[in-house]
N, C-alpha and C. Protein backbone atom coordinates (compact mmCIF):
# COMPACT_ATOMS: atom_id res chain seq x y z
N MET A 1 -22.53 -0.14 23.76
CA MET A 1 -21.25 0.50 23.60
C MET A 1 -20.60 0.00 22.30
N ALA A 2 -20.17 0.90 21.48
CA ALA A 2 -19.56 0.54 20.20
C ALA A 2 -18.14 0.06 20.42
N GLU A 3 -17.79 -1.00 19.70
CA GLU A 3 -16.43 -1.53 19.81
C GLU A 3 -15.49 -0.64 19.02
N GLU A 4 -14.33 -0.41 19.62
CA GLU A 4 -13.32 0.39 18.92
C GLU A 4 -12.53 -0.51 17.99
N LYS A 5 -12.24 0.03 16.82
CA LYS A 5 -11.48 -0.71 15.83
C LYS A 5 -10.00 -0.70 16.22
N ASP A 6 -9.34 -1.82 16.05
CA ASP A 6 -7.91 -1.90 16.35
C ASP A 6 -7.14 -1.45 15.11
N ASN A 7 -6.53 -0.29 15.19
CA ASN A 7 -5.81 0.27 14.05
C ASN A 7 -4.31 0.04 14.13
N SER A 8 -3.87 -0.82 15.03
CA SER A 8 -2.44 -1.02 15.20
C SER A 8 -1.80 -1.60 13.93
N LYS A 9 -2.53 -2.46 13.22
CA LYS A 9 -1.97 -3.02 11.99
C LYS A 9 -1.80 -1.94 10.93
N LEU A 10 -2.71 -0.98 10.88
CA LEU A 10 -2.58 0.13 9.94
C LEU A 10 -1.36 0.99 10.27
N TYR A 11 -1.15 1.25 11.55
CA TYR A 11 0.00 2.05 11.97
C TYR A 11 1.30 1.33 11.63
N ILE A 12 1.37 0.04 11.92
CA ILE A 12 2.58 -0.72 11.63
C ILE A 12 2.82 -0.78 10.12
N GLY A 13 1.77 -1.00 9.35
CA GLY A 13 1.89 -1.01 7.89
C GLY A 13 2.37 0.33 7.35
N GLY A 14 1.85 1.40 7.90
CA GLY A 14 2.28 2.74 7.48
C GLY A 14 3.73 3.01 7.80
N ILE A 15 4.17 2.59 8.96
CA ILE A 15 5.57 2.77 9.36
C ILE A 15 6.49 1.97 8.44
N ILE A 16 6.09 0.73 8.13
CA ILE A 16 6.89 -0.09 7.23
C ILE A 16 6.96 0.53 5.84
N LEU A 17 5.84 1.03 5.35
CA LEU A 17 5.80 1.68 4.04
C LEU A 17 6.70 2.91 4.00
N ILE A 18 6.64 3.73 5.02
CA ILE A 18 7.49 4.92 5.09
C ILE A 18 8.95 4.53 5.14
N ALA A 19 9.28 3.47 5.89
CA ALA A 19 10.67 3.02 5.99
C ALA A 19 11.17 2.52 4.63
N ILE A 20 10.35 1.78 3.91
CA ILE A 20 10.76 1.27 2.59
C ILE A 20 10.98 2.41 1.62
N ILE A 21 10.08 3.37 1.61
CA ILE A 21 10.23 4.53 0.72
C ILE A 21 11.48 5.33 1.09
N GLY A 22 11.72 5.50 2.39
CA GLY A 22 12.91 6.23 2.83
C GLY A 22 14.20 5.54 2.41
N VAL A 23 14.24 4.23 2.54
CA VAL A 23 15.44 3.49 2.13
C VAL A 23 15.64 3.60 0.63
N MET A 24 14.56 3.51 -0.14
CA MET A 24 14.69 3.63 -1.60
C MET A 24 15.20 5.01 -1.99
N LEU A 25 14.72 6.05 -1.35
CA LEU A 25 15.18 7.41 -1.67
C LEU A 25 16.65 7.58 -1.31
N LEU A 26 17.05 7.06 -0.14
CA LEU A 26 18.46 7.17 0.25
C LEU A 26 19.36 6.38 -0.68
N LYS A 27 18.94 5.20 -1.08
CA LYS A 27 19.74 4.38 -1.98
C LYS A 27 19.86 5.04 -3.34
N GLN A 28 18.79 5.66 -3.81
CA GLN A 28 18.83 6.35 -5.09
C GLN A 28 19.83 7.51 -5.03
N ASP A 29 19.83 8.25 -3.94
CA ASP A 29 20.76 9.36 -3.78
C ASP A 29 22.19 8.85 -3.68
N GLU A 30 22.38 7.71 -3.04
CA GLU A 30 23.72 7.14 -2.88
C GLU A 30 24.28 6.66 -4.21
N MET A 31 23.44 6.13 -5.07
CA MET A 31 23.89 5.57 -6.34
C MET A 31 24.01 6.61 -7.46
N LYS A 32 23.61 7.84 -7.18
CA LYS A 32 23.61 8.88 -8.21
C LYS A 32 25.01 9.12 -8.78
N HIS A 33 26.03 9.03 -7.94
CA HIS A 33 27.38 9.32 -8.40
C HIS A 33 28.00 8.16 -9.18
N LEU A 34 27.35 7.01 -9.22
CA LEU A 34 27.91 5.86 -9.91
C LEU A 34 27.53 5.77 -11.38
N LYS A 35 26.72 6.70 -11.85
CA LYS A 35 26.36 6.71 -13.26
C LYS A 35 27.62 6.96 -14.09
N MET A 36 27.71 6.31 -15.24
CA MET A 36 28.90 6.44 -16.07
C MET A 36 29.04 7.88 -16.58
N GLY A 37 30.13 8.47 -16.24
CA GLY A 37 30.44 9.81 -16.71
C GLY A 37 31.92 9.86 -17.03
N ALA A 38 32.42 11.03 -17.28
CA ALA A 38 33.83 11.17 -17.64
C ALA A 38 34.75 10.70 -16.52
N SER A 39 34.39 11.04 -15.29
CA SER A 39 35.27 10.67 -14.18
C SER A 39 35.28 9.17 -13.95
N THR A 40 34.14 8.51 -14.09
CA THR A 40 34.11 7.06 -13.88
C THR A 40 34.79 6.33 -15.03
N GLU A 41 34.71 6.88 -16.23
CA GLU A 41 35.39 6.26 -17.35
C GLU A 41 36.91 6.35 -17.18
N SER A 42 37.40 7.49 -16.71
CA SER A 42 38.85 7.62 -16.50
C SER A 42 39.30 6.74 -15.34
N THR A 43 38.47 6.60 -14.32
CA THR A 43 38.80 5.71 -13.22
C THR A 43 38.84 4.27 -13.69
N GLN A 44 37.91 3.88 -14.52
CA GLN A 44 37.88 2.52 -15.06
C GLN A 44 39.12 2.26 -15.93
N ALA A 45 39.49 3.24 -16.74
CA ALA A 45 40.68 3.08 -17.59
C ALA A 45 41.93 2.96 -16.74
N ALA A 46 42.04 3.74 -15.67
CA ALA A 46 43.19 3.67 -14.79
C ALA A 46 43.25 2.32 -14.09
N TYR A 47 42.10 1.82 -13.67
CA TYR A 47 42.05 0.51 -13.03
C TYR A 47 42.50 -0.59 -13.99
N GLU A 48 42.00 -0.56 -15.22
CA GLU A 48 42.37 -1.57 -16.19
C GLU A 48 43.86 -1.52 -16.51
N SER A 49 44.41 -0.33 -16.59
CA SER A 49 45.84 -0.18 -16.85
C SER A 49 46.67 -0.75 -15.69
N ALA A 50 46.28 -0.41 -14.47
CA ALA A 50 47.00 -0.91 -13.30
C ALA A 50 46.85 -2.42 -13.17
N ASN A 51 45.70 -2.94 -13.50
CA ASN A 51 45.49 -4.38 -13.43
C ASN A 51 46.33 -5.11 -14.48
N ALA A 52 46.43 -4.53 -15.67
CA ALA A 52 47.26 -5.13 -16.71
C ALA A 52 48.72 -5.16 -16.28
N LYS A 53 49.21 -4.07 -15.66
CA LYS A 53 50.59 -4.04 -15.17
C LYS A 53 50.79 -5.08 -14.07
N ARG A 54 49.81 -5.23 -13.19
CA ARG A 54 49.92 -6.20 -12.10
C ARG A 54 49.99 -7.61 -12.66
N LEU A 55 49.15 -7.90 -13.63
CA LEU A 55 49.16 -9.23 -14.23
C LEU A 55 50.46 -9.50 -14.99
N ALA A 56 51.03 -8.46 -15.62
CA ALA A 56 52.26 -8.64 -16.36
C ALA A 56 53.45 -8.90 -15.45
N THR A 57 53.42 -8.42 -14.22
CA THR A 57 54.55 -8.60 -13.31
C THR A 57 54.44 -9.86 -12.47
N GLN A 58 53.32 -10.58 -12.54
CA GLN A 58 53.18 -11.81 -11.79
C GLN A 58 53.88 -12.95 -12.52
N ASN A 59 54.36 -13.90 -11.75
CA ASN A 59 54.97 -15.09 -12.32
C ASN A 59 53.89 -16.14 -12.49
N ILE A 60 53.31 -16.15 -13.67
CA ILE A 60 52.23 -17.08 -13.97
C ILE A 60 52.78 -18.13 -14.93
N PHE A 61 52.74 -19.37 -14.50
CA PHE A 61 53.21 -20.46 -15.34
C PHE A 61 52.00 -21.18 -15.92
N VAL A 62 51.91 -21.15 -17.24
CA VAL A 62 50.79 -21.76 -17.93
C VAL A 62 51.28 -23.06 -18.54
N GLU A 63 50.57 -24.13 -18.28
CA GLU A 63 50.96 -25.43 -18.85
C GLU A 63 50.15 -25.74 -20.06
């Protein structure tokens, strides 16, 4: 009687590989909107302006 090969490690490896590829694809899609464009540049400028105003209104004592 021929011994059957245990393929469970192949199945587990395949599932892990598919999961890693799936996560990479989802992460790539999620990060697509973060590329520097006109909207992110205006958001960055607004943040820097608001941060400068916040720092100017704080009572910071420098020795």
